[in-house]
């Protein structure tokens, strides 16, 4: 199943992929386009059955986690946690980081969290959290996903 997306001014394949819950690579494969020939007003095909919570980012020379988090509008500490990094860790060119897609809220659990407190922090119902997560242990540093 597919849908059609009209490219807006300022769109990139990464930004479109994040908006619709897919990956840049899938958009490249399906549409045979790159950012250089992505023109406002054009239409591209979007797969409907892909709704991934994460995309990947290949670290470039000069990147740092703080700037990557800012670029993707992700909380810095959340980005560290989901990639198993500490504040003092270095990242290297060609290292792959996972980035949460914009259509998902992500919470990293802490001591004494309950399903009710996590649901409140994410603005979700407890039922939705259970639906979106295969297993919830509520142990510290577990990732809880909520599809917006």
N, C-alpha and C. Protein backbone atom coordinates (compact mmCIF):
# COMPACT_ATOMS: atom_id res chain seq x y z
N UNK A 1 0.84 -1.17 0.00
CA UNK A 1 0.00 0.00 0.00
C UNK A 1 0.89 1.24 0.00
N UNK A 2 0.53 2.23 -0.79
CA UNK A 2 1.32 3.44 -0.93
C UNK A 2 0.44 4.68 -0.86
N UNK A 3 1.06 5.80 -0.55
CA UNK A 3 0.39 7.08 -0.65
C UNK A 3 1.30 8.02 -1.42
N UNK A 4 0.78 9.17 -1.76
CA UNK A 4 1.53 10.17 -2.51
C UNK A 4 1.77 11.37 -1.60
N UNK A 5 2.99 11.89 -1.64
CA UNK A 5 3.37 13.06 -0.84
C UNK A 5 3.84 14.16 -1.79
N UNK A 6 3.32 15.37 -1.59
CA UNK A 6 3.78 16.50 -2.39
C UNK A 6 4.92 17.18 -1.65
N UNK A 7 6.05 17.30 -2.34
CA UNK A 7 7.25 17.90 -1.76
C UNK A 7 7.01 19.37 -1.48
N UNK A 8 7.38 19.79 -0.27
CA UNK A 8 7.24 21.18 0.17
C UNK A 8 8.60 21.87 0.11
N UNK A 9 8.59 23.18 0.05
CA UNK A 9 9.82 23.95 0.08
C UNK A 9 10.59 23.63 1.36
N UNK A 10 11.87 23.36 1.23
CA UNK A 10 12.71 23.04 2.38
C UNK A 10 12.76 21.56 2.73
N UNK A 11 11.94 20.74 2.09
CA UNK A 11 11.96 19.30 2.36
C UNK A 11 13.26 18.68 1.88
N UNK A 12 13.73 17.69 2.61
CA UNK A 12 14.81 16.81 2.18
C UNK A 12 14.27 15.39 2.31
N UNK A 13 14.97 14.44 1.73
CA UNK A 13 14.52 13.05 1.89
C UNK A 13 14.52 12.64 3.35
N UNK A 14 15.51 13.11 4.13
CA UNK A 14 15.53 12.81 5.56
C UNK A 14 14.31 13.38 6.27
N UNK A 15 13.99 14.64 5.99
CA UNK A 15 12.86 15.27 6.70
C UNK A 15 11.55 14.61 6.30
N UNK A 16 11.40 14.27 5.03
CA UNK A 16 10.18 13.58 4.59
C UNK A 16 10.08 12.21 5.25
N UNK A 17 11.19 11.48 5.26
CA UNK A 17 11.21 10.14 5.88
C UNK A 17 10.80 10.23 7.34
N UNK A 18 11.30 11.23 8.05
CA UNK A 18 10.93 11.40 9.46
C UNK A 18 9.46 11.74 9.62
N UNK A 19 8.92 12.58 8.73
CA UNK A 19 7.50 12.97 8.81
C UNK A 19 6.57 11.78 8.62
N UNK A 20 6.93 10.90 7.68
CA UNK A 20 6.01 9.83 7.30
C UNK A 20 6.35 8.48 7.91
N UNK A 21 7.43 8.41 8.70
CA UNK A 21 7.77 7.17 9.39
C UNK A 21 8.40 6.12 8.52
N UNK A 22 9.32 6.52 7.66
CA UNK A 22 10.05 5.57 6.84
C UNK A 22 11.53 5.96 6.89
N UNK A 23 12.32 5.43 5.98
CA UNK A 23 13.74 5.78 5.96
C UNK A 23 14.08 6.46 4.64
N UNK A 24 15.15 7.21 4.65
CA UNK A 24 15.64 7.87 3.44
C UNK A 24 15.94 6.83 2.37
N UNK A 25 16.56 5.72 2.77
CA UNK A 25 16.93 4.69 1.82
C UNK A 25 15.71 4.11 1.10
N UNK A 26 14.62 3.92 1.83
CA UNK A 26 13.41 3.40 1.21
C UNK A 26 12.87 4.41 0.19
N UNK A 27 12.88 5.69 0.54
CA UNK A 27 12.41 6.72 -0.40
C UNK A 27 13.30 6.78 -1.64
N UNK A 28 14.60 6.65 -1.45
CA UNK A 28 15.53 6.62 -2.59
C UNK A 28 15.22 5.44 -3.51
N UNK A 29 15.05 4.29 -2.91
CA UNK A 29 14.81 3.07 -3.68
C UNK A 29 13.51 3.14 -4.47
N UNK A 30 12.44 3.57 -3.82
CA UNK A 30 11.12 3.60 -4.46
C UNK A 30 11.04 4.66 -5.53
N UNK A 31 11.62 5.85 -5.26
CA UNK A 31 11.42 6.99 -6.14
C UNK A 31 12.59 7.30 -7.06
N UNK A 32 13.77 6.73 -6.80
CA UNK A 32 14.93 6.97 -7.64
C UNK A 32 15.35 8.43 -7.67
N UNK A 33 15.19 9.14 -6.56
CA UNK A 33 15.54 10.55 -6.51
C UNK A 33 16.55 10.79 -5.40
N UNK A 34 17.19 11.94 -5.46
CA UNK A 34 18.11 12.36 -4.41
C UNK A 34 17.67 13.74 -3.94
N UNK A 35 18.32 14.24 -2.89
CA UNK A 35 17.99 15.58 -2.40
C UNK A 35 18.22 16.64 -3.48
N UNK A 36 19.20 16.40 -4.35
CA UNK A 36 19.52 17.41 -5.37
C UNK A 36 18.43 17.54 -6.43
N UNK A 37 17.65 16.50 -6.67
CA UNK A 37 16.57 16.64 -7.66
C UNK A 37 15.18 16.56 -7.02
N UNK A 38 15.11 16.83 -5.73
CA UNK A 38 13.85 16.88 -4.99
C UNK A 38 13.32 18.31 -5.10
N UNK A 39 12.26 18.51 -5.84
CA UNK A 39 11.76 19.86 -6.13
C UNK A 39 10.39 20.09 -5.49
N UNK A 40 10.20 21.26 -4.86
CA UNK A 40 8.88 21.58 -4.32
C UNK A 40 7.79 21.46 -5.39
N UNK A 41 6.68 20.86 -5.01
CA UNK A 41 5.58 20.67 -5.95
C UNK A 41 5.57 19.28 -6.57
N UNK A 42 6.74 18.63 -6.63
CA UNK A 42 6.79 17.27 -7.16
C UNK A 42 6.09 16.31 -6.20
N UNK A 43 5.71 15.17 -6.72
CA UNK A 43 5.07 14.14 -5.92
C UNK A 43 5.99 12.94 -5.81
N UNK A 44 6.04 12.34 -4.62
CA UNK A 44 6.81 11.11 -4.45
C UNK A 44 5.92 10.06 -3.79
N UNK A 45 6.28 8.81 -3.99
CA UNK A 45 5.54 7.68 -3.45
C UNK A 45 6.06 7.37 -2.05
N UNK A 46 5.13 7.18 -1.13
CA UNK A 46 5.44 6.87 0.27
C UNK A 46 4.82 5.52 0.60
N UNK A 47 5.61 4.55 1.10
CA UNK A 47 5.02 3.27 1.50
C UNK A 47 4.20 3.45 2.78
N UNK A 48 2.99 2.92 2.78
CA UNK A 48 2.09 3.07 3.93
C UNK A 48 2.37 2.05 5.03
N UNK A 49 2.95 0.93 4.68
CA UNK A 49 3.12 -0.13 5.66
C UNK A 49 4.39 0.02 6.48
N UNK A 50 5.19 1.04 6.22
CA UNK A 50 6.41 1.25 6.99
C UNK A 50 6.12 2.32 8.03
N UNK A 51 6.33 1.98 9.25
CA UNK A 51 6.12 2.94 10.33
C UNK A 51 7.15 2.66 11.41
N UNK A 52 8.38 2.96 11.09
CA UNK A 52 9.49 2.64 11.96
C UNK A 52 9.68 3.69 13.03
N UNK A 53 10.00 3.27 14.25
CA UNK A 53 10.23 4.26 15.30
C UNK A 53 11.58 4.96 15.16
N UNK A 54 12.50 4.36 14.42
CA UNK A 54 13.84 4.92 14.30
C UNK A 54 14.30 4.97 12.85
N UNK A 55 15.18 5.89 12.58
CA UNK A 55 15.93 5.92 11.34
C UNK A 55 17.39 5.90 11.76
N UNK A 56 18.29 5.79 10.81
CA UNK A 56 19.71 5.77 11.15
C UNK A 56 20.39 7.00 10.58
N UNK A 57 21.47 7.36 11.21
CA UNK A 57 22.29 8.49 10.77
C UNK A 57 23.74 8.04 10.77
N UNK A 58 24.43 8.28 9.67
CA UNK A 58 25.85 7.95 9.56
C UNK A 58 26.65 9.18 9.97
N UNK A 59 27.43 9.04 11.02
CA UNK A 59 28.22 10.15 11.54
C UNK A 59 29.21 10.62 10.49
N UNK A 60 29.27 11.94 10.33
CA UNK A 60 30.20 12.57 9.40
C UNK A 60 31.35 13.21 10.18
N UNK A 61 32.45 13.44 9.53
CA UNK A 61 33.59 14.10 10.16
C UNK A 61 33.13 15.46 10.71
N UNK A 62 33.47 15.75 11.95
CA UNK A 62 33.11 17.01 12.58
C UNK A 62 31.79 16.99 13.34
N UNK A 63 31.01 15.91 13.21
CA UNK A 63 29.74 15.80 13.93
C UNK A 63 29.97 15.63 15.43
N UNK A 64 28.99 16.07 16.21
CA UNK A 64 28.95 15.73 17.63
C UNK A 64 27.50 15.42 17.99
N UNK A 65 27.32 14.70 19.07
CA UNK A 65 25.99 14.22 19.43
C UNK A 65 25.03 15.38 19.69
N UNK A 66 25.52 16.43 20.32
CA UNK A 66 24.66 17.57 20.62
C UNK A 66 24.09 18.18 19.33
N UNK A 67 24.93 18.39 18.32
CA UNK A 67 24.47 18.97 17.06
C UNK A 67 23.54 18.02 16.30
N UNK A 68 23.81 16.74 16.35
CA UNK A 68 22.93 15.76 15.69
C UNK A 68 21.56 15.77 16.37
N UNK A 69 21.55 15.82 17.71
CA UNK A 69 20.28 15.87 18.45
C UNK A 69 19.50 17.12 18.07
N UNK A 70 20.18 18.24 17.97
CA UNK A 70 19.53 19.51 17.61
C UNK A 70 18.98 19.44 16.18
N UNK A 71 19.77 18.88 15.26
CA UNK A 71 19.36 18.77 13.86
C UNK A 71 18.07 17.96 13.71
N UNK A 72 17.94 16.90 14.50
CA UNK A 72 16.78 16.02 14.40
C UNK A 72 15.72 16.31 15.46
N UNK A 73 15.89 17.42 16.20
CA UNK A 73 14.92 17.83 17.22
C UNK A 73 14.65 16.71 18.23
N UNK A 74 15.74 16.13 18.73
CA UNK A 74 15.69 15.04 19.68
C UNK A 74 16.40 15.50 20.95
N UNK A 75 15.86 15.14 22.10
CA UNK A 75 16.53 15.44 23.35
C UNK A 75 17.91 14.80 23.36
N UNK A 76 18.92 15.60 23.70
CA UNK A 76 20.32 15.17 23.70
C UNK A 76 20.53 13.93 24.56
N UNK A 77 20.00 13.93 25.76
CA UNK A 77 20.21 12.80 26.66
C UNK A 77 19.47 11.55 26.18
N UNK A 78 18.33 11.73 25.54
CA UNK A 78 17.62 10.58 24.96
C UNK A 78 18.44 9.98 23.83
N UNK A 79 19.01 10.84 22.98
CA UNK A 79 19.84 10.34 21.88
C UNK A 79 21.04 9.56 22.41
N UNK A 80 21.67 10.05 23.46
CA UNK A 80 22.77 9.31 24.09
C UNK A 80 22.28 7.95 24.57
N UNK A 81 21.17 7.94 25.30
CA UNK A 81 20.67 6.71 25.91
C UNK A 81 20.30 5.66 24.88
N UNK A 82 19.60 6.05 23.82
CA UNK A 82 19.16 5.03 22.84
C UNK A 82 20.31 4.48 22.02
N UNK A 83 21.45 5.19 22.04
CA UNK A 83 22.62 4.71 21.32
C UNK A 83 23.67 4.12 22.25
N UNK A 84 23.34 3.99 23.54
CA UNK A 84 24.27 3.38 24.49
C UNK A 84 25.51 4.21 24.72
N UNK A 85 25.37 5.53 24.62
CA UNK A 85 26.51 6.43 24.78
C UNK A 85 26.44 7.19 26.09
N UNK A 86 27.58 7.57 26.60
CA UNK A 86 27.69 8.45 27.75
C UNK A 86 28.09 9.83 27.26
N UNK A 87 27.92 10.84 28.10
CA UNK A 87 28.25 12.22 27.72
C UNK A 87 29.70 12.38 27.29
N UNK A 88 30.59 11.58 27.85
CA UNK A 88 32.02 11.71 27.55
C UNK A 88 32.48 10.86 26.37
N UNK A 89 31.58 10.06 25.80
CA UNK A 89 31.97 9.19 24.68
C UNK A 89 32.19 9.99 23.40
N UNK A 90 33.13 9.54 22.61
CA UNK A 90 33.37 10.11 21.30
C UNK A 90 32.54 9.36 20.27
N UNK A 91 32.18 10.07 19.21
CA UNK A 91 31.58 9.41 18.05
C UNK A 91 32.55 9.59 16.89
N UNK A 92 32.50 8.68 15.93
CA UNK A 92 33.48 8.64 14.87
C UNK A 92 32.80 8.63 13.49
N UNK A 93 33.46 9.19 12.48
CA UNK A 93 32.90 9.12 11.13
C UNK A 93 32.59 7.67 10.76
N UNK A 94 31.48 7.51 10.07
CA UNK A 94 30.95 6.21 9.62
C UNK A 94 30.33 5.38 10.74
N UNK A 95 30.27 5.92 11.95
CA UNK A 95 29.54 5.26 13.03
C UNK A 95 28.06 5.51 12.78
N UNK A 96 27.24 4.50 12.98
CA UNK A 96 25.81 4.64 12.74
C UNK A 96 25.09 4.88 14.06
N UNK A 97 24.29 5.94 14.10
CA UNK A 97 23.47 6.23 15.26
C UNK A 97 22.01 6.02 14.90
N UNK A 98 21.20 5.60 15.87
CA UNK A 98 19.77 5.53 15.60
C UNK A 98 19.14 6.82 16.10
N UNK A 99 18.21 7.31 15.30
CA UNK A 99 17.54 8.58 15.56
C UNK A 99 16.04 8.30 15.63
N UNK A 100 15.37 8.73 16.69
CA UNK A 100 13.92 8.50 16.74
C UNK A 100 13.20 9.33 15.69
N UNK A 101 12.25 8.72 15.01
CA UNK A 101 11.45 9.44 14.04
C UNK A 101 10.51 10.40 14.75
N UNK A 102 10.15 11.46 14.07
CA UNK A 102 9.36 12.52 14.68
C UNK A 102 7.93 12.09 15.02
N UNK A 103 7.47 10.98 14.46
CA UNK A 103 6.11 10.54 14.77
C UNK A 103 6.06 9.60 15.99
N UNK A 104 7.17 9.52 16.74
CA UNK A 104 7.23 8.72 17.95
C UNK A 104 7.74 9.57 19.10
N UNK A 105 7.12 9.41 20.26
CA UNK A 105 7.67 9.94 21.50
C UNK A 105 8.46 8.81 22.13
N UNK A 106 9.58 9.15 22.74
CA UNK A 106 10.43 8.15 23.36
C UNK A 106 10.73 8.59 24.77
N UNK A 107 10.69 7.64 25.68
CA UNK A 107 11.01 7.93 27.07
C UNK A 107 11.97 6.85 27.57
N UNK A 108 13.00 7.25 28.27
CA UNK A 108 13.94 6.32 28.88
C UNK A 108 13.57 6.24 30.36
N UNK A 109 13.19 5.06 30.80
CA UNK A 109 12.68 4.91 32.16
C UNK A 109 13.75 5.18 33.21
N UNK A 110 13.27 5.58 34.37
CA UNK A 110 14.11 5.89 35.52
C UNK A 110 13.61 5.09 36.71
N UNK A 111 14.39 5.09 37.79
CA UNK A 111 13.96 4.41 39.03
C UNK A 111 12.58 4.91 39.44
N UNK A 112 11.76 4.01 39.92
CA UNK A 112 10.44 4.30 40.48
C UNK A 112 9.40 4.75 39.45
N UNK A 113 9.67 4.60 38.16
CA UNK A 113 8.64 4.90 37.16
C UNK A 113 7.54 3.85 37.25
N UNK A 114 6.33 4.28 36.99
CA UNK A 114 5.21 3.36 36.86
C UNK A 114 4.62 3.56 35.47
N UNK A 115 3.77 2.65 35.06
CA UNK A 115 3.12 2.80 33.76
C UNK A 115 2.32 4.09 33.72
N UNK A 116 1.69 4.44 34.82
CA UNK A 116 0.89 5.67 34.88
C UNK A 116 1.76 6.91 34.74
N UNK A 117 2.92 6.96 35.41
CA UNK A 117 3.77 8.15 35.33
C UNK A 117 4.40 8.28 33.95
N UNK A 118 4.78 7.16 33.35
CA UNK A 118 5.35 7.20 32.01
C UNK A 118 4.29 7.66 31.01
N UNK A 119 3.09 7.14 31.12
CA UNK A 119 1.99 7.55 30.24
C UNK A 119 1.75 9.05 30.35
N UNK A 120 1.75 9.56 31.56
CA UNK A 120 1.54 10.99 31.76
C UNK A 120 2.65 11.82 31.13
N UNK A 121 3.90 11.37 31.28
CA UNK A 121 5.04 12.10 30.72
C UNK A 121 5.00 12.11 29.19
N UNK A 122 4.49 11.05 28.59
CA UNK A 122 4.41 10.96 27.13
C UNK A 122 3.10 11.51 26.57
N UNK A 123 2.16 11.81 27.43
CA UNK A 123 0.87 12.27 26.95
C UNK A 123 0.09 11.17 26.27
N UNK A 124 0.23 9.96 26.78
CA UNK A 124 -0.38 8.78 26.17
C UNK A 124 -1.24 8.07 27.20
N UNK A 125 -2.08 7.17 26.72
CA UNK A 125 -2.83 6.32 27.64
C UNK A 125 -1.98 5.08 27.94
N UNK A 126 -2.26 4.47 29.06
CA UNK A 126 -1.54 3.24 29.41
C UNK A 126 -1.81 2.15 28.38
N UNK A 127 -3.02 2.12 27.86
CA UNK A 127 -3.38 1.14 26.83
C UNK A 127 -2.54 1.34 25.57
N UNK A 128 -2.34 2.60 25.16
CA UNK A 128 -1.53 2.88 23.98
C UNK A 128 -0.08 2.45 24.19
N UNK A 129 0.46 2.69 25.38
CA UNK A 129 1.83 2.28 25.65
C UNK A 129 1.99 0.77 25.58
N UNK A 130 1.02 0.07 26.11
CA UNK A 130 1.06 -1.40 26.05
C UNK A 130 0.97 -1.86 24.60
N UNK A 131 0.12 -1.20 23.79
CA UNK A 131 -0.01 -1.55 22.37
C UNK A 131 1.29 -1.32 21.61
N UNK A 132 1.99 -0.21 21.90
CA UNK A 132 3.17 0.19 21.13
C UNK A 132 4.47 -0.47 21.60
N UNK A 133 4.45 -1.16 22.73
CA UNK A 133 5.66 -1.78 23.27
C UNK A 133 5.38 -3.24 23.57
N UNK A 134 6.20 -4.12 23.00
CA UNK A 134 5.98 -5.55 23.17
C UNK A 134 6.08 -5.96 24.64
N UNK A 135 7.05 -5.41 25.34
CA UNK A 135 7.28 -5.75 26.74
C UNK A 135 7.65 -4.50 27.50
N UNK A 136 7.04 -4.29 28.63
CA UNK A 136 7.38 -3.16 29.48
C UNK A 136 7.74 -3.70 30.86
N UNK A 137 9.02 -3.58 31.22
CA UNK A 137 9.47 -4.03 32.53
C UNK A 137 9.56 -2.88 33.53
N UNK A 138 9.71 -1.65 33.02
CA UNK A 138 9.89 -0.46 33.84
C UNK A 138 11.17 -0.52 34.69
N UNK A 139 12.17 -1.19 34.15
CA UNK A 139 13.49 -1.16 34.75
C UNK A 139 14.19 0.11 34.29
N UNK A 140 15.10 0.65 35.08
CA UNK A 140 15.81 1.86 34.64
C UNK A 140 16.46 1.67 33.28
N UNK A 141 16.34 2.69 32.46
CA UNK A 141 16.94 2.78 31.12
C UNK A 141 16.28 1.91 30.06
N UNK A 142 15.03 1.52 30.28
CA UNK A 142 14.27 0.85 29.23
C UNK A 142 13.67 1.93 28.33
N UNK A 143 13.67 1.68 27.03
CA UNK A 143 13.03 2.60 26.09
C UNK A 143 11.56 2.28 25.99
N UNK A 144 10.75 3.32 26.16
CA UNK A 144 9.30 3.18 25.99
C UNK A 144 8.93 4.05 24.79
N UNK A 145 8.24 3.47 23.83
CA UNK A 145 7.83 4.17 22.61
C UNK A 145 6.34 4.47 22.64
N UNK A 146 5.99 5.61 22.08
CA UNK A 146 4.59 5.95 21.92
C UNK A 146 4.40 6.57 20.55
N UNK A 147 3.60 5.96 19.72
CA UNK A 147 3.31 6.47 18.38
C UNK A 147 2.34 7.63 18.51
N UNK A 148 2.76 8.81 18.04
CA UNK A 148 1.91 10.02 18.14
C UNK A 148 0.67 9.89 17.30
